[in-house]
Amino acid sequence: MNDAYAVSQRVLGGLLCLVGVAVLVATLSAGGGPLTLGFIVGVLFTALGAARVWIAVRAGDRGGRR
């Protein structure tokens, strides 16, 4: 059960990163700048996904869920 949880956390984090990058690309291609809502949301989604993957990997290094 813990293995499935760990894998799902990494997959979800990766998907959040991809969604964030897609939002950034869409915003920038539509002419948005760094202060537009799409840009800010894209950066936040990318950071959230990266943090989720990083935490899941570090928790896996310790041998389980905390």
PDB file of N, CA and C in Angstrom:
ATOM      1  N   MET A   1       0.812  -1.192   0.000  1.00  0.00           N
ATOM      2  CA  MET A   1       0.000   0.000   0.000  1.00  0.00           C
ATOM      3  C   MET A   1       0.858   1.259   0.000  1.00  0.00           C
ATOM      4  N   ASN A   2       1.935   1.243   0.781  1.00  0.00           N
ATOM      5  CA  ASN A   2       2.806   2.413   0.823  1.00  0.00           C
ATOM      6  C   ASN A   2       3.514   2.643  -0.504  1.00  0.00           C
ATOM      7  N   ASP A   3       3.831   1.559  -1.227  1.00  0.00           N
ATOM      8  CA  ASP A   3       4.481   1.719  -2.520  1.00  0.00           C
ATOM      9  C   ASP A   3       3.560   2.427  -3.499  1.00  0.00           C
ATOM     10  N   ALA A   4       2.300   2.044  -3.516  1.00  0.00           N
ATOM     11  CA  ALA A   4       1.333   2.690  -4.409  1.00  0.00           C
ATOM     12  C   ALA A   4       1.164   4.156  -4.039  1.00  0.00           C
ATOM     13  N   TYR A   5       1.161   4.454  -2.751  1.00  0.00           N
ATOM     14  CA  TYR A   5       1.042   5.833  -2.289  1.00  0.00           C
ATOM     15  C   TYR A   5       2.244   6.659  -2.747  1.00  0.00           C
ATOM     16  N   ALA A   6       3.425   6.125  -2.581  1.00  0.00           N
ATOM     17  CA  ALA A   6       4.643   6.849  -2.955  1.00  0.00           C
ATOM     18  C   ALA A   6       4.682   7.111  -4.461  1.00  0.00           C
ATOM     19  N   VAL A   7       4.317   6.109  -5.242  1.00  0.00           N
ATOM     20  CA  VAL A   7       4.306   6.280  -6.698  1.00  0.00           C
ATOM     21  C   VAL A   7       3.263   7.305  -7.106  1.00  0.00           C
ATOM     22  N   SER A   8       2.089   7.244  -6.480  1.00  0.00           N
ATOM     23  CA  SER A   8       1.035   8.198  -6.848  1.00  0.00           C
ATOM     24  C   SER A   8       1.428   9.624  -6.484  1.00  0.00           C
ATOM     25  N   GLN A   9       2.160   9.813  -5.403  1.00  0.00           N
ATOM     26  CA  GLN A   9       2.608  11.155  -5.032  1.00  0.00           C
ATOM     27  C   GLN A   9       3.589  11.706  -6.062  1.00  0.00           C
ATOM     28  N   ARG A  10       4.483  10.865  -6.522  1.00  0.00           N
ATOM     29  CA  ARG A  10       5.447  11.308  -7.541  1.00  0.00           C
ATOM     30  C   ARG A  10       4.765  11.593  -8.865  1.00  0.00           C
ATOM     31  N   VAL A  11       3.824  10.743  -9.248  1.00  0.00           N
ATOM     32  CA  VAL A  11       3.109  10.940 -10.516  1.00  0.00           C
ATOM     33  C   VAL A  11       2.272  12.213 -10.455  1.00  0.00           C
ATOM     34  N   LEU A  12       1.555  12.421  -9.361  1.00  0.00           N
ATOM     35  CA  LEU A  12       0.739  13.614  -9.222  1.00  0.00           C
ATOM     36  C   LEU A  12       1.604  14.878  -9.220  1.00  0.00           C
ATOM     37  N   GLY A  13       2.729  14.820  -8.552  1.00  0.00           N
ATOM     38  CA  GLY A  13       3.645  15.957  -8.561  1.00  0.00           C
ATOM     39  C   GLY A  13       4.162  16.267  -9.951  1.00  0.00           C
ATOM     40  N   GLY A  14       4.503  15.215 -10.689  1.00  0.00           N
ATOM     41  CA  GLY A  14       4.954  15.411 -12.063  1.00  0.00           C
ATOM     42  C   GLY A  14       3.873  16.001 -12.950  1.00  0.00           C
ATOM     43  N   LEU A  15       2.635  15.541 -12.759  1.00  0.00           N
ATOM     44  CA  LEU A  15       1.525  16.093 -13.535  1.00  0.00           C
ATOM     45  C   LEU A  15       1.271  17.557 -13.188  1.00  0.00           C
ATOM     46  N   LEU A  16       1.395  17.902 -11.915  1.00  0.00           N
ATOM     47  CA  LEU A  16       1.235  19.306 -11.525  1.00  0.00           C
ATOM     48  C   LEU A  16       2.315  20.175 -12.176  1.00  0.00           C
ATOM     49  N   CYS A  17       3.531  19.671 -12.238  1.00  0.00           N
ATOM     50  CA  CYS A  17       4.603  20.404 -12.924  1.00  0.00           C
ATOM     51  C   CYS A  17       4.274  20.612 -14.393  1.00  0.00           C
ATOM     52  N   LEU A  18       3.794  19.557 -15.034  1.00  0.00           N
ATOM     53  CA  LEU A  18       3.455  19.667 -16.456  1.00  0.00           C
ATOM     54  C   LEU A  18       2.312  20.646 -16.691  1.00  0.00           C
ATOM     55  N   VAL A  19       1.309  20.619 -15.829  1.00  0.00           N
ATOM     56  CA  VAL A  19       0.195  21.568 -15.959  1.00  0.00           C
ATOM     57  C   VAL A  19       0.706  22.993 -15.772  1.00  0.00           C
ATOM     58  N   GLY A  20       1.574  23.196 -14.797  1.00  0.00           N
ATOM     59  CA  GLY A  20       2.136  24.525 -14.572  1.00  0.00           C
ATOM     60  C   GLY A  20       2.925  25.037 -15.763  1.00  0.00           C
ATOM     61  N   VAL A  21       3.739  24.173 -16.352  1.00  0.00           N
ATOM     62  CA  VAL A  21       4.509  24.568 -17.535  1.00  0.00           C
ATOM     63  C   VAL A  21       3.568  24.861 -18.703  1.00  0.00           C
ATOM     64  N   ALA A  22       2.519  24.063 -18.860  1.00  0.00           N
ATOM     65  CA  ALA A  22       1.552  24.303 -19.939  1.00  0.00           C
ATOM     66  C   ALA A  22       0.845  25.644 -19.756  1.00  0.00           C
ATOM     67  N   VAL A  23       0.487  25.977 -18.526  1.00  0.00           N
ATOM     68  CA  VAL A  23      -0.145  27.273 -18.261  1.00  0.00           C
ATOM     69  C   VAL A  23       0.828  28.406 -18.565  1.00  0.00           C
ATOM     70  N   LEU A  24       2.088  28.239 -18.184  1.00  0.00           N
ATOM     71  CA  LEU A  24       3.097  29.255 -18.482  1.00  0.00           C
ATOM     72  C   LEU A  24       3.263  29.454 -19.983  1.00  0.00           C
ATOM     73  N   VAL A  25       3.366  28.366 -20.720  1.00  0.00           N
ATOM     74  CA  VAL A  25       3.545  28.454 -22.177  1.00  0.00           C
ATOM     75  C   VAL A  25       2.332  29.104 -22.821  1.00  0.00           C
ATOM     76  N   ALA A  26       1.141  28.705 -22.400  1.00  0.00           N
ATOM     77  CA  ALA A  26      -0.080  29.287 -22.973  1.00  0.00           C
ATOM     78  C   ALA A  26      -0.175  30.781 -22.675  1.00  0.00           C
ATOM     79  N   THR A  27       0.184  31.162 -21.457  1.00  0.00           N
ATOM     80  CA  THR A  27       0.118  32.576 -21.083  1.00  0.00           C
ATOM     81  C   THR A  27       1.127  33.401 -21.868  1.00  0.00           C
ATOM     82  N   LEU A  28       2.344  32.896 -21.948  1.00  0.00           N
ATOM     83  CA  LEU A  28       3.380  33.640 -22.663  1.00  0.00           C
ATOM     84  C   LEU A  28       3.119  33.698 -24.163  1.00  0.00           C
ATOM     85  N   SER A  29       2.572  32.631 -24.719  1.00  0.00           N
ATOM     86  CA  SER A  29       2.286  32.635 -26.163  1.00  0.00           C
ATOM     87  C   SER A  29       1.116  33.554 -26.495  1.00  0.00           C
ATOM     88  N   ALA A  30       0.248  33.817 -25.517  1.00  0.00           N
ATOM     89  CA  ALA A  30      -0.877  34.726 -25.738  1.00  0.00           C
ATOM     90  C   ALA A  30      -0.482  36.183 -25.476  1.00  0.00           C
ATOM     91  N   GLY A  31       0.776  36.406 -25.127  1.00  0.00           N
ATOM     92  CA  GLY A  31       1.257  37.769 -24.927  1.00  0.00           C
ATOM     93  C   GLY A  31       1.235  38.232 -23.488  1.00  0.00           C
ATOM     94  N   GLY A  32       1.022  37.339 -22.561  1.00  0.00           N
ATOM     95  CA  GLY A  32       1.001  37.714 -21.148  1.00  0.00           C
ATOM     96  C   GLY A  32       2.392  37.955 -20.606  1.00  0.00           C
ATOM     97  N   GLY A  33       2.466  38.777 -19.610  1.00  0.00           N
ATOM     98  CA  GLY A  33       3.741  39.102 -18.981  1.00  0.00           C
ATOM     99  C   GLY A  33       3.866  38.430 -17.624  1.00  0.00           C
ATOM    100  N   PRO A  34       4.926  38.768 -16.904  1.00  0.00           N
ATOM    101  CA  PRO A  34       5.185  38.101 -15.620  1.00  0.00           C
ATOM    102  C   PRO A  34       4.216  38.496 -14.497  1.00  0.00           C
ATOM    103  N   LEU A  35       3.402  39.504 -14.682  1.00  0.00           N
ATOM    104  CA  LEU A  35       2.452  39.890 -13.643  1.00  0.00           C
ATOM    105  C   LEU A  35       1.019  39.475 -13.964  1.00  0.00           C
ATOM    106  N   THR A  36       0.828  38.704 -15.013  1.00  0.00           N
ATOM    107  CA  THR A  36      -0.518  38.252 -15.346  1.00  0.00           C
ATOM    108  C   THR A  36      -0.899  37.055 -14.462  1.00  0.00           C
ATOM    109  N   LEU A  37      -2.189  36.863 -14.337  1.00  0.00           N
ATOM    110  CA  LEU A  37      -2.688  35.787 -13.479  1.00  0.00           C
ATOM    111  C   LEU A  37      -2.232  34.420 -13.981  1.00  0.00           C
ATOM    112  N   GLY A  38      -2.258  34.197 -15.273  1.00  0.00           N
ATOM    113  CA  GLY A  38      -1.840  32.914 -15.831  1.00  0.00           C
ATOM    114  C   GLY A  38      -0.385  32.598 -15.532  1.00  0.00           C
ATOM    115  N   PHE A  39       0.454  33.607 -15.614  1.00  0.00           N
ATOM    116  CA  PHE A  39       1.872  33.404 -15.323  1.00  0.00           C
ATOM    117  C   PHE A  39       2.074  33.035 -13.858  1.00  0.00           C
ATOM    118  N   ILE A  40       1.407  33.767 -12.977  1.00  0.00           N
ATOM    119  CA  ILE A  40       1.550  33.510 -11.538  1.00  0.00           C
ATOM    120  C   ILE A  40       1.021  32.121 -11.182  1.00  0.00           C
ATOM    121  N   VAL A  41      -0.135  31.762 -11.738  1.00  0.00           N
ATOM    122  CA  VAL A  41      -0.708  30.439 -11.472  1.00  0.00           C
ATOM    123  C   VAL A  41       0.211  29.343 -12.022  1.00  0.00           C
ATOM    124  N   GLY A  42       0.771  29.556 -13.206  1.00  0.00           N
ATOM    125  CA  GLY A  42       1.687  28.584 -13.788  1.00  0.00           C
ATOM    126  C   GLY A  42       2.925  28.369 -12.942  1.00  0.00           C
ATOM    127  N   VAL A  43       3.487  29.455 -12.430  1.00  0.00           N
ATOM    128  CA  VAL A  43       4.665  29.350 -11.563  1.00  0.00           C
ATOM    129  C   VAL A  43       4.307  28.612 -10.280  1.00  0.00           C
ATOM    130  N   LEU A  44       3.143  28.930  -9.708  1.00  0.00           N
ATOM    131  CA  LEU A  44       2.738  28.275  -8.467  1.00  0.00           C
ATOM    132  C   LEU A  44       2.483  26.780  -8.667  1.00  0.00           C
ATOM    133  N   PHE A  45       1.830  26.407  -9.760  1.00  0.00           N
ATOM    134  CA  PHE A  45       1.592  24.989 -10.030  1.00  0.00           C
ATOM    135  C   PHE A  45       2.913  24.253 -10.237  1.00  0.00           C
ATOM    136  N   THR A  46       3.831  24.866 -10.966  1.00  0.00           N
ATOM    137  CA  THR A  46       5.129  24.235 -11.200  1.00  0.00           C
ATOM    138  C   THR A  46       5.888  24.061  -9.889  1.00  0.00           C
ATOM    139  N   ALA A  47       5.890  25.085  -9.053  1.00  0.00           N
ATOM    140  CA  ALA A  47       6.578  24.995  -7.766  1.00  0.00           C
ATOM    141  C   ALA A  47       5.913  23.966  -6.857  1.00  0.00           C
ATOM    142  N   LEU A  48       4.586  23.934  -6.852  1.00  0.00           N
ATOM    143  CA  LEU A  48       3.874  22.968  -6.022  1.00  0.00           C
ATOM    144  C   LEU A  48       4.184  21.533  -6.466  1.00  0.00           C
ATOM    145  N   GLY A  49       4.173  21.291  -7.760  1.00  0.00           N
ATOM    146  CA  GLY A  49       4.476  19.953  -8.258  1.00  0.00           C
ATOM    147  C   GLY A  49       5.907  19.535  -7.956  1.00  0.00           C
ATOM    148  N   ALA A  50       6.844  20.463  -8.146  1.00  0.00           N
ATOM    149  CA  ALA A  50       8.245  20.150  -7.860  1.00  0.00           C
ATOM    150  C   ALA A  50       8.445  19.877  -6.375  1.00  0.00           C
ATOM    151  N   ALA A  51       7.799  20.664  -5.527  1.00  0.00           N
ATOM    152  CA  ALA A  51       7.921  20.443  -4.082  1.00  0.00           C
ATOM    153  C   ALA A  51       7.309  19.108  -3.685  1.00  0.00           C
ATOM    154  N   ARG A  52       6.199  18.745  -4.312  1.00  0.00           N
ATOM    155  CA  ARG A  52       5.544  17.476  -3.987  1.00  0.00           C
ATOM    156  C   ARG A  52       6.434  16.290  -4.368  1.00  0.00           C
ATOM    157  N   VAL A  53       7.072  16.372  -5.532  1.00  0.00           N
ATOM    158  CA  VAL A  53       7.989  15.308  -5.952  1.00  0.00           C
ATOM    159  C   VAL A  53       9.194  15.264  -5.013  1.00  0.00           C
ATOM    160  N   TRP A  54       9.741  16.409  -4.675  1.00  0.00           N
ATOM    161  CA  TRP A  54      10.918  16.470  -3.805  1.00  0.00           C
ATOM    162  C   TRP A  54      10.607  15.872  -2.438  1.00  0.00           C
ATOM    163  N   ILE A  55       9.460  16.222  -1.871  1.00  0.00           N
ATOM    164  CA  ILE A  55       9.084  15.686  -0.566  1.00  0.00           C
ATOM    165  C   ILE A  55       8.841  14.180  -0.655  1.00  0.00           C
ATOM    166  N   ALA A  56       8.197  13.722  -1.720  1.00  0.00           N
ATOM    167  CA  ALA A  56       7.935  12.286  -1.878  1.00  0.00           C
ATOM    168  C   ALA A  56       9.237  11.508  -2.013  1.00  0.00           C
ATOM    169  N   VAL A  57      10.196  12.058  -2.734  1.00  0.00           N
ATOM    170  CA  VAL A  57      11.483  11.378  -2.899  1.00  0.00           C
ATOM    171  C   VAL A  57      12.231  11.349  -1.578  1.00  0.00           C
ATOM    172  N   ARG A  58      12.225  12.450  -0.845  1.00  0.00           N
ATOM    173  CA  ARG A  58      12.922  12.481   0.453  1.00  0.00           C
ATOM    174  C   ARG A  58      12.253  11.555   1.458  1.00  0.00           C
ATOM    175  N   ALA A  59      10.943  11.456   1.431  1.00  0.00           N
ATOM    176  CA  ALA A  59      10.245  10.543   2.333  1.00  0.00           C
ATOM    177  C   ALA A  59      10.558   9.093   1.968  1.00  0.00           C
ATOM    178  N   GLY A  60      10.722   8.821   0.681  1.00  0.00           N
ATOM    179  CA  GLY A  60      11.079   7.478   0.244  1.00  0.00           C
ATOM    180  C   GLY A  60      12.481   7.094   0.666  1.00  0.00           C
ATOM    181  N   ASP A  61      13.383   8.074   0.749  1.00  0.00           N
ATOM    182  CA  ASP A  61      14.746   7.808   1.194  1.00  0.00           C
ATOM    183  C   ASP A  61      14.791   7.384   2.659  1.00  0.00           C
ATOM    184  N   ARG A  62      13.830   7.822   3.426  1.00  0.00           N
ATOM    185  CA  ARG A  62      13.795   7.484   4.849  1.00  0.00           C
ATOM    186  C   ARG A  62      13.112   6.156   5.112  1.00  0.00           C
ATOM    187  N   GLY A  63      12.574   5.575   4.069  1.00  0.00           N
ATOM    188  CA  GLY A  63      11.987   4.253   4.242  1.00  0.00           C
ATOM    189  C   GLY A  63      10.496   4.232   4.508  1.00  0.00           C
ATOM    190  N   GLY A  64       9.800   5.287   4.219  1.00  0.00           N
ATOM    191  CA  GLY A  64       8.363   5.245   4.404  1.00  0.00           C
ATOM    192  C   GLY A  64       7.730   6.596   4.614  1.00  0.00           C
ATOM    193  N   ARG A  65       6.461   6.540   4.886  1.00  0.00           N
ATOM    194  CA  ARG A  65       5.673   7.752   5.088  1.00  0.00           C
ATOM    195  C   ARG A  65       5.885   8.297   6.490  1.00  0.00           C
ATOM    196  N   ARG A  66       5.842   9.608   6.616  1.00  0.00           N
ATOM    197  CA  ARG A  66       5.979  10.249   7.925  1.00  0.00           C
ATOM    198  C   ARG A  66       4.704  10.908   8.295  1.00  0.00           C
TER     199      ARG A  66
END
